[in-house]
Amino acid sequence: TWLPASVLFVGIIYAGSRALSRLAIPVFFTLH
């Protein structure tokens, strides 16, 4: 039952890493 959430967790950290490499931290937090 928890596996879909774990897949989303992978999406969170992967996409977050890609976004943070290109955006300033205040901008990233505002979008987050």
PDB file of all heavy atoms in Angstrom:
ATOM      1  N   THR A   1       0.828  -1.207   0.000  1.00  0.00           N
ATOM      2  CA  THR A   1       0.000   0.000   0.000  1.00  0.00           C
ATOM      3  C   THR A   1       0.863   1.258   0.000  1.00  0.00           C
ATOM      4  O   THR A   1       0.494   2.282  -0.580  1.00  0.00           O
ATOM      5  CB  THR A   1      -0.929   0.013   1.238  1.00  0.00           C
ATOM      6  OG1 THR A   1      -1.736  -1.161   1.233  1.00  0.00           O
ATOM      7  CG2 THR A   1      -1.832   1.234   1.238  1.00  0.00           C
ATOM      8  N   TRP A   2       2.040   1.162   0.637  1.00  0.00           N
ATOM      9  CA  TRP A   2       2.918   2.326   0.733  1.00  0.00           C
ATOM     10  C   TRP A   2       3.794   2.511  -0.504  1.00  0.00           C
ATOM     11  O   TRP A   2       4.339   3.594  -0.717  1.00  0.00           O
ATOM     12  CB  TRP A   2       3.801   2.207   1.975  1.00  0.00           C
ATOM     13  CG  TRP A   2       4.679   3.403   2.177  1.00  0.00           C
ATOM     14  CD1 TRP A   2       6.031   3.466   2.042  1.00  0.00           C
ATOM     15  CD2 TRP A   2       4.265   4.731   2.528  1.00  0.00           C
ATOM     16  NE1 TRP A   2       6.487   4.734   2.289  1.00  0.00           N
ATOM     17  CE2 TRP A   2       5.422   5.538   2.590  1.00  0.00           C
ATOM     18  CE3 TRP A   2       3.018   5.309   2.796  1.00  0.00           C
ATOM     19  CZ2 TRP A   2       5.369   6.888   2.912  1.00  0.00           C
ATOM     20  CZ3 TRP A   2       2.969   6.665   3.110  1.00  0.00           C
ATOM     21  CH2 TRP A   2       4.126   7.434   3.169  1.00  0.00           C
ATOM     22  N   LEU A   3       3.921   1.511  -1.354  1.00  0.00           N
ATOM     23  CA  LEU A   3       4.824   1.593  -2.507  1.00  0.00           C
ATOM     24  C   LEU A   3       4.561   2.801  -3.421  1.00  0.00           C
ATOM     25  O   LEU A   3       5.522   3.449  -3.859  1.00  0.00           O
ATOM     26  CB  LEU A   3       4.763   0.302  -3.318  1.00  0.00           C
ATOM     27  CG  LEU A   3       5.612  -0.863  -2.779  1.00  0.00           C
ATOM     28  CD1 LEU A   3       5.497  -2.066  -3.710  1.00  0.00           C
ATOM     29  CD2 LEU A   3       7.069  -0.461  -2.608  1.00  0.00           C
ATOM     30  N   PRO A   4       3.291   3.136  -3.751  1.00  0.00           N
ATOM     31  CA  PRO A   4       3.086   4.337  -4.581  1.00  0.00           C
ATOM     32  C   PRO A   4       3.664   5.597  -3.947  1.00  0.00           C
ATOM     33  O   PRO A   4       4.209   6.460  -4.655  1.00  0.00           O
ATOM     34  CB  PRO A   4       1.553   4.420  -4.699  1.00  0.00           C
ATOM     35  CG  PRO A   4       1.084   3.016  -4.498  1.00  0.00           C
ATOM     36  CD  PRO A   4       2.025   2.423  -3.511  1.00  0.00           C
ATOM     37  N   ALA A   5       3.564   5.709  -2.630  1.00  0.00           N
ATOM     38  CA  ALA A   5       4.135   6.873  -1.941  1.00  0.00           C
ATOM     39  C   ALA A   5       5.658   6.866  -2.044  1.00  0.00           C
ATOM     40  O   ALA A   5       6.286   7.924  -2.207  1.00  0.00           O
ATOM     41  CB  ALA A   5       3.702   6.879  -0.475  1.00  0.00           C
ATOM     42  N   SER A   6       6.273   5.684  -1.963  1.00  0.00           N
ATOM     43  CA  SER A   6       7.735   5.587  -2.097  1.00  0.00           C
ATOM     44  C   SER A   6       8.185   5.983  -3.500  1.00  0.00           C
ATOM     45  O   SER A   6       9.241   6.605  -3.669  1.00  0.00           O
ATOM     46  CB  SER A   6       8.199   4.158  -1.786  1.00  0.00           C
ATOM     47  OG  SER A   6       8.091   3.880  -0.411  1.00  0.00           O
ATOM     48  N   VAL A   7       7.392   5.629  -4.511  1.00  0.00           N
ATOM     49  CA  VAL A   7       7.702   6.044  -5.887  1.00  0.00           C
ATOM     50  C   VAL A   7       7.624   7.566  -5.990  1.00  0.00           C
ATOM     51  O   VAL A   7       8.473   8.209  -6.630  1.00  0.00           O
ATOM     52  CB  VAL A   7       6.739   5.373  -6.882  1.00  0.00           C
ATOM     53  CG1 VAL A   7       6.953   5.923  -8.294  1.00  0.00           C
ATOM     54  CG2 VAL A   7       6.946   3.858  -6.887  1.00  0.00           C
ATOM     55  N   LEU A   8       6.602   8.153  -5.360  1.00  0.00           N
ATOM     56  CA  LEU A   8       6.486   9.613  -5.346  1.00  0.00           C
ATOM     57  C   LEU A   8       7.668  10.251  -4.611  1.00  0.00           C
ATOM     58  O   LEU A   8       8.132  11.324  -5.002  1.00  0.00           O
ATOM     59  CB  LEU A   8       5.174  10.032  -4.678  1.00  0.00           C
ATOM     60  CG  LEU A   8       3.907   9.819  -5.492  1.00  0.00           C
ATOM     61  CD1 LEU A   8       2.672  10.041  -4.628  1.00  0.00           C
ATOM     62  CD2 LEU A   8       3.878  10.747  -6.709  1.00  0.00           C
ATOM     63  N   PHE A   9       8.161   9.587  -3.569  1.00  0.00           N
ATOM     64  CA  PHE A   9       9.331  10.092  -2.850  1.00  0.00           C
ATOM     65  C   PHE A   9      10.544  10.178  -3.779  1.00  0.00           C
ATOM     66  O   PHE A   9      11.298  11.154  -3.732  1.00  0.00           O
ATOM     67  CB  PHE A   9       9.643   9.182  -1.660  1.00  0.00           C
ATOM     68  CG  PHE A   9      10.871   9.577  -0.890  1.00  0.00           C
ATOM     69  CD1 PHE A   9      10.826  10.603   0.036  1.00  0.00           C
ATOM     70  CD2 PHE A   9      12.082   8.935  -1.099  1.00  0.00           C
ATOM     71  CE1 PHE A   9      11.968  10.989   0.744  1.00  0.00           C
ATOM     72  CE2 PHE A   9      13.227   9.299  -0.401  1.00  0.00           C
ATOM     73  CZ  PHE A   9      13.169  10.327   0.522  1.00  0.00           C
ATOM     74  N   VAL A  10      10.703   9.172  -4.630  1.00  0.00           N
ATOM     75  CA  VAL A  10      11.795   9.206  -5.618  1.00  0.00           C
ATOM     76  C   VAL A  10      11.608  10.399  -6.550  1.00  0.00           C
ATOM     77  O   VAL A  10      12.570  11.116  -6.874  1.00  0.00           O
ATOM     78  CB  VAL A  10      11.850   7.895  -6.419  1.00  0.00           C
ATOM     79  CG1 VAL A  10      12.966   7.949  -7.463  1.00  0.00           C
ATOM     80  CG2 VAL A  10      12.076   6.707  -5.492  1.00  0.00           C
ATOM     81  N   GLY A  11      10.362  10.639  -6.972  1.00  0.00           N
ATOM     82  CA  GLY A  11      10.075  11.801  -7.813  1.00  0.00           C
ATOM     83  C   GLY A  11      10.381  13.105  -7.103  1.00  0.00           C
ATOM     84  O   GLY A  11      10.907  14.053  -7.712  1.00  0.00           O
ATOM     85  N   ILE A  12      10.081  13.160  -5.809  1.00  0.00           N
ATOM     86  CA  ILE A  12      10.335  14.373  -5.017  1.00  0.00           C
ATOM     87  C   ILE A  12      11.828  14.709  -4.995  1.00  0.00           C
ATOM     88  O   ILE A  12      12.230  15.842  -5.288  1.00  0.00           O
ATOM     89  CB  ILE A  12       9.818  14.193  -3.569  1.00  0.00           C
ATOM     90  CG1 ILE A  12       8.294  14.186  -3.533  1.00  0.00           C
ATOM     91  CG2 ILE A  12      10.348  15.310  -2.666  1.00  0.00           C
ATOM     92  CD1 ILE A  12       7.720  13.776  -2.190  1.00  0.00           C
ATOM     93  N   ILE A  13      12.651  13.728  -4.662  1.00  0.00           N
ATOM     94  CA  ILE A  13      14.086  14.018  -4.502  1.00  0.00           C
ATOM     95  C   ILE A  13      14.771  14.204  -5.857  1.00  0.00           C
ATOM     96  O   ILE A  13      15.686  15.025  -5.979  1.00  0.00           O
ATOM     97  CB  ILE A  13      14.785  12.930  -3.666  1.00  0.00           C
ATOM     98  CG1 ILE A  13      14.665  11.550  -4.312  1.00  0.00           C
ATOM     99  CG2 ILE A  13      14.215  12.905  -2.254  1.00  0.00           C
ATOM    100  CD1 ILE A  13      15.437  10.447  -3.571  1.00  0.00           C
ATOM    101  N   TYR A  14      14.325  13.467  -6.889  1.00  0.00           N
ATOM    102  CA  TYR A  14      14.953  13.607  -8.209  1.00  0.00           C
ATOM    103  C   TYR A  14      14.609  14.975  -8.808  1.00  0.00           C
ATOM    104  O   TYR A  14      15.497  15.736  -9.221  1.00  0.00           O
ATOM    105  CB  TYR A  14      14.485  12.488  -9.133  1.00  0.00           C
ATOM    106  CG  TYR A  14      15.085  12.555 -10.518  1.00  0.00           C
ATOM    107  CD1 TYR A  14      16.331  11.991 -10.782  1.00  0.00           C
ATOM    108  CD2 TYR A  14      14.425  13.207 -11.562  1.00  0.00           C
ATOM    109  CE1 TYR A  14      16.893  12.069 -12.050  1.00  0.00           C
ATOM    110  CE2 TYR A  14      14.980  13.297 -12.829  1.00  0.00           C
ATOM    111  CZ  TYR A  14      16.216  12.722 -13.070  1.00  0.00           C
ATOM    112  OH  TYR A  14      16.768  12.814 -14.329  1.00  0.00           O
ATOM    113  N   ALA A  15      13.310  15.288  -8.867  1.00  0.00           N
ATOM    114  CA  ALA A  15      12.886  16.561  -9.450  1.00  0.00           C
ATOM    115  C   ALA A  15      13.375  17.730  -8.600  1.00  0.00           C
ATOM    116  O   ALA A  15      13.759  18.781  -9.133  1.00  0.00           O
ATOM    117  CB  ALA A  15      11.364  16.599  -9.576  1.00  0.00           C
ATOM    118  N   GLY A  16      13.382  17.548  -7.269  1.00  0.00           N
ATOM    119  CA  GLY A  16      13.877  18.610  -6.399  1.00  0.00           C
ATOM    120  C   GLY A  16      15.341  18.914  -6.638  1.00  0.00           C
ATOM    121  O   GLY A  16      15.753  20.069  -6.638  1.00  0.00           O
ATOM    122  N   SER A  17      16.133  17.868  -6.870  1.00  0.00           N
ATOM    123  CA  SER A  17      17.549  18.052  -7.153  1.00  0.00           C
ATOM    124  C   SER A  17      17.755  18.795  -8.468  1.00  0.00           C
ATOM    125  O   SER A  17      18.588  19.704  -8.561  1.00  0.00           O
ATOM    126  CB  SER A  17      18.246  16.687  -7.196  1.00  0.00           C
ATOM    127  OG  SER A  17      19.625  16.829  -7.460  1.00  0.00           O
ATOM    128  N   ARG A  18      16.982  18.403  -9.486  1.00  0.00           N
ATOM    129  CA  ARG A  18      17.089  19.079 -10.790  1.00  0.00           C
ATOM    130  C   ARG A  18      16.689  20.551 -10.677  1.00  0.00           C
ATOM    131  O   ARG A  18      17.322  21.421 -11.289  1.00  0.00           O
ATOM    132  CB  ARG A  18      16.187  18.372 -11.808  1.00  0.00           C
ATOM    133  CG  ARG A  18      16.560  16.932 -12.134  1.00  0.00           C
ATOM    134  CD  ARG A  18      17.833  16.843 -12.954  1.00  0.00           C
ATOM    135  NE  ARG A  18      17.719  17.451 -14.254  1.00  0.00           N
ATOM    136  CZ  ARG A  18      17.423  16.788 -15.389  1.00  0.00           C
ATOM    137  NH1 ARG A  18      17.203  15.485 -15.323  1.00  0.00           N
ATOM    138  NH2 ARG A  18      17.359  17.401 -16.544  1.00  0.00           N
ATOM    139  N   ALA A  19      15.627  20.822  -9.910  1.00  0.00           N
ATOM    140  CA  ALA A  19      15.152  22.200  -9.771  1.00  0.00           C
ATOM    141  C   ALA A  19      16.126  23.050  -8.962  1.00  0.00           C
ATOM    142  O   ALA A  19      16.443  24.183  -9.339  1.00  0.00           O
ATOM    143  CB  ALA A  19      13.776  22.203  -9.110  1.00  0.00           C
ATOM    144  N   LEU A  20      16.625  22.499  -7.844  1.00  0.00           N
ATOM    145  CA  LEU A  20      17.509  23.256  -6.960  1.00  0.00           C
ATOM    146  C   LEU A  20      18.837  23.600  -7.635  1.00  0.00           C
ATOM    147  O   LEU A  20      19.472  24.596  -7.304  1.00  0.00           O
ATOM    148  CB  LEU A  20      17.757  22.469  -5.676  1.00  0.00           C
ATOM    149  CG  LEU A  20      18.441  23.209  -4.525  1.00  0.00           C
ATOM    150  CD1 LEU A  20      17.610  24.421  -4.091  1.00  0.00           C
ATOM    151  CD2 LEU A  20      18.657  22.276  -3.348  1.00  0.00           C
ATOM    152  N   SER A  21      19.254  22.784  -8.601  1.00  0.00           N
ATOM    153  CA  SER A  21      20.509  23.061  -9.309  1.00  0.00           C
ATOM    154  C   SER A  21      20.394  24.292 -10.208  1.00  0.00           C
ATOM    155  O   SER A  21      21.409  24.885 -10.583  1.00  0.00           O
ATOM    156  CB  SER A  21      20.923  21.846 -10.145  1.00  0.00           C
ATOM    157  OG  SER A  21      20.016  21.627 -11.211  1.00  0.00           O
ATOM    158  N   ARG A  22      19.148  24.696 -10.533  1.00  0.00           N
ATOM    159  CA  ARG A  22      18.940  25.796 -11.467  1.00  0.00           C
ATOM    160  C   ARG A  22      18.264  27.015 -10.847  1.00  0.00           C
ATOM    161  O   ARG A  22      18.272  28.089 -11.441  1.00  0.00           O
ATOM    162  CB  ARG A  22      18.096  25.315 -12.657  1.00  0.00           C
ATOM    163  CG  ARG A  22      18.805  24.278 -13.526  1.00  0.00           C
ATOM    164  CD  ARG A  22      17.883  23.728 -14.607  1.00  0.00           C
ATOM    165  NE  ARG A  22      18.596  22.882 -15.554  1.00  0.00           N
ATOM    166  CZ  ARG A  22      19.205  23.315 -16.646  1.00  0.00           C
ATOM    167  NH1 ARG A  22      19.191  24.597 -16.930  1.00  0.00           N
ATOM    168  NH2 ARG A  22      19.825  22.481 -17.459  1.00  0.00           N
ATOM    169  N   LEU A  23      17.624  26.826  -9.697  1.00  0.00           N
ATOM    170  CA  LEU A  23      16.870  27.915  -9.074  1.00  0.00           C
ATOM    171  C   LEU A  23      17.509  28.345  -7.762  1.00  0.00           C
ATOM    172  O   LEU A  23      18.126  27.542  -7.061  1.00  0.00           O
ATOM    173  CB  LEU A  23      15.425  27.475  -8.806  1.00  0.00           C
ATOM    174  CG  LEU A  23      14.596  27.019 -10.005  1.00  0.00           C
ATOM    175  CD1 LEU A  23      13.223  26.530  -9.527  1.00  0.00           C
ATOM    176  CD2 LEU A  23      14.442  28.137 -11.023  1.00  0.00           C
ATOM    177  N   ALA A  24      17.331  29.600  -7.426  1.00  0.00           N
ATOM    178  CA  ALA A  24      17.769  30.099  -6.118  1.00  0.00           C
ATOM    179  C   ALA A  24      16.899  29.455  -5.035  1.00  0.00           C
ATOM    180  O   ALA A  24      15.734  29.121  -5.269  1.00  0.00           O
ATOM    181  CB  ALA A  24      17.644  31.620  -6.070  1.00  0.00           C
ATOM    182  N   ILE A  25      17.455  29.300  -3.845  1.00  0.00           N
ATOM    183  CA  ILE A  25      16.734  28.633  -2.759  1.00  0.00           C
ATOM    184  C   ILE A  25      15.429  29.351  -2.398  1.00  0.00           C
ATOM    185  O   ILE A  25      14.390  28.683  -2.239  1.00  0.00           O
ATOM    186  CB  ILE A  25      17.646  28.484  -1.523  1.00  0.00           C
ATOM    187  CG1 ILE A  25      18.726  27.420  -1.799  1.00  0.00           C
ATOM    188  CG2 ILE A  25      16.844  28.106  -0.287  1.00  0.00           C
ATOM    189  CD1 ILE A  25      19.710  27.211  -0.663  1.00  0.00           C
ATOM    190  N   PRO A  26      15.376  30.688  -2.295  1.00  0.00           N
ATOM    191  CA  PRO A  26      14.085  31.334  -1.994  1.00  0.00           C
ATOM    192  C   PRO A  26      13.032  31.073  -3.061  1.00  0.00           C
ATOM    193  O   PRO A  26      11.851  30.889  -2.747  1.00  0.00           O
ATOM    194  CB  PRO A  26      14.443  32.820  -1.933  1.00  0.00           C
ATOM    195  CG  PRO A  26      15.894  32.849  -1.598  1.00  0.00           C
ATOM    196  CD  PRO A  26      16.479  31.664  -2.297  1.00  0.00           C
ATOM    197  N   VAL A  27      13.447  31.035  -4.322  1.00  0.00           N
ATOM    198  CA  VAL A  27      12.515  30.734  -5.420  1.00  0.00           C
ATOM    199  C   VAL A  27      12.028  29.294  -5.307  1.00  0.00           C
ATOM    200  O   VAL A  27      10.831  29.005  -5.460  1.00  0.00           O
ATOM    201  CB  VAL A  27      13.196  30.978  -6.785  1.00  0.00           C
ATOM    202  CG1 VAL A  27      12.301  30.505  -7.935  1.00  0.00           C
ATOM    203  CG2 VAL A  27      13.539  32.451  -6.948  1.00  0.00           C
ATOM    204  N   PHE A  28      12.946  28.400  -5.028  1.00  0.00           N
ATOM    205  CA  PHE A  28      12.596  26.981  -4.886  1.00  0.00           C
ATOM    206  C   PHE A  28      11.585  26.787  -3.756  1.00  0.00           C
ATOM    207  O   PHE A  28      10.605  26.060  -3.900  1.00  0.00           O
ATOM    208  CB  PHE A  28      13.864  26.170  -4.621  1.00  0.00           C
ATOM    209  CG  PHE A  28      13.617  24.708  -4.381  1.00  0.00           C
ATOM    210  CD1 PHE A  28      13.373  23.841  -5.438  1.00  0.00           C
ATOM    211  CD2 PHE A  28      13.625  24.191  -3.085  1.00  0.00           C
ATOM    212  CE1 PHE A  28      13.136  22.489  -5.217  1.00  0.00           C
ATOM    213  CE2 PHE A  28      13.394  22.850  -2.850  1.00  0.00           C
ATOM    214  CZ  PHE A  28      13.148  21.992  -3.926  1.00  0.00           C
ATOM    215  N   PHE A  29      11.802  27.451  -2.625  1.00  0.00           N
ATOM    216  CA  PHE A  29      10.886  27.323  -1.487  1.00  0.00           C
ATOM    217  C   PHE A  29       9.500  27.874  -1.832  1.00  0.00           C
ATOM    218  O   PHE A  29       8.477  27.299  -1.448  1.00  0.00           O
ATOM    219  CB  PHE A  29      11.438  28.079  -0.275  1.00  0.00           C
ATOM    220  CG  PHE A  29      12.547  27.361   0.444  1.00  0.00           C
ATOM    221  CD1 PHE A  29      13.325  28.022   1.384  1.00  0.00           C
ATOM    222  CD2 PHE A  29      12.821  26.029   0.190  1.00  0.00           C
ATOM    223  CE1 PHE A  29      14.343  27.366   2.063  1.00  0.00           C
ATOM    224  CE2 PHE A  29      13.847  25.362   0.854  1.00  0.00           C
ATOM    225  CZ  PHE A  29      14.610  26.033   1.792  1.00  0.00           C
ATOM    226  N   THR A  30       9.465  28.997  -2.545  1.00  0.00           N
ATOM    227  CA  THR A  30       8.181  29.603  -2.911  1.00  0.00           C
ATOM    228  C   THR A  30       7.370  28.669  -3.805  1.00  0.00           C
ATOM    229  O   THR A  30       6.156  28.518  -3.622  1.00  0.00           O
ATOM    230  CB  THR A  30       8.409  30.946  -3.626  1.00  0.00           C
ATOM    231  OG1 THR A  30       9.161  31.820  -2.770  1.00  0.00           O
ATOM    232  CG2 THR A  30       7.092  31.610  -3.985  1.00  0.00           C
ATOM    233  N   LEU A  31       8.032  28.026  -4.750  1.00  0.00           N
ATOM    234  CA  LEU A  31       7.338  27.075  -5.623  1.00  0.00           C
ATOM    235  C   LEU A  31       6.975  25.798  -4.867  1.00  0.00           C
ATOM    236  O   LEU A  31       5.886  25.236  -5.065  1.00  0.00           O
ATOM    237  CB  LEU A  31       8.228  26.745  -6.828  1.00  0.00           C
ATOM    238  CG  LEU A  31       8.577  27.927  -7.738  1.00  0.00           C
ATOM    239  CD1 LEU A  31       9.573  27.491  -8.812  1.00  0.00           C
ATOM    240  CD2 LEU A  31       7.325  28.500  -8.390  1.00  0.00           C
ATOM    241  N   HIS A  32       7.868  25.354  -4.004  1.00  0.00           N
ATOM    242  CA  HIS A  32       7.621  24.148  -3.202  1.00  0.00           C
ATOM    243  C   HIS A  32       6.347  24.281  -2.365  1.00  0.00           C
ATOM    244  O   HIS A  32       5.609  23.304  -2.172  1.00  0.00           O
ATOM    245  CB  HIS A  32       8.832  23.898  -2.304  1.00  0.00           C
ATOM    246  CG  HIS A  32       8.627  22.848  -1.258  1.00  0.00           C
ATOM    247  ND1 HIS A  32       8.905  21.516  -1.473  1.00  0.00           N
ATOM    248  CD2 HIS A  32       8.152  22.931   0.016  1.00  0.00           C
ATOM    249  CE1 HIS A  32       8.615  20.820  -0.380  1.00  0.00           C
ATOM    250  NE2 HIS A  32       8.168  21.660   0.535  1.00  0.00           N
TER     251      HIS A  32
END
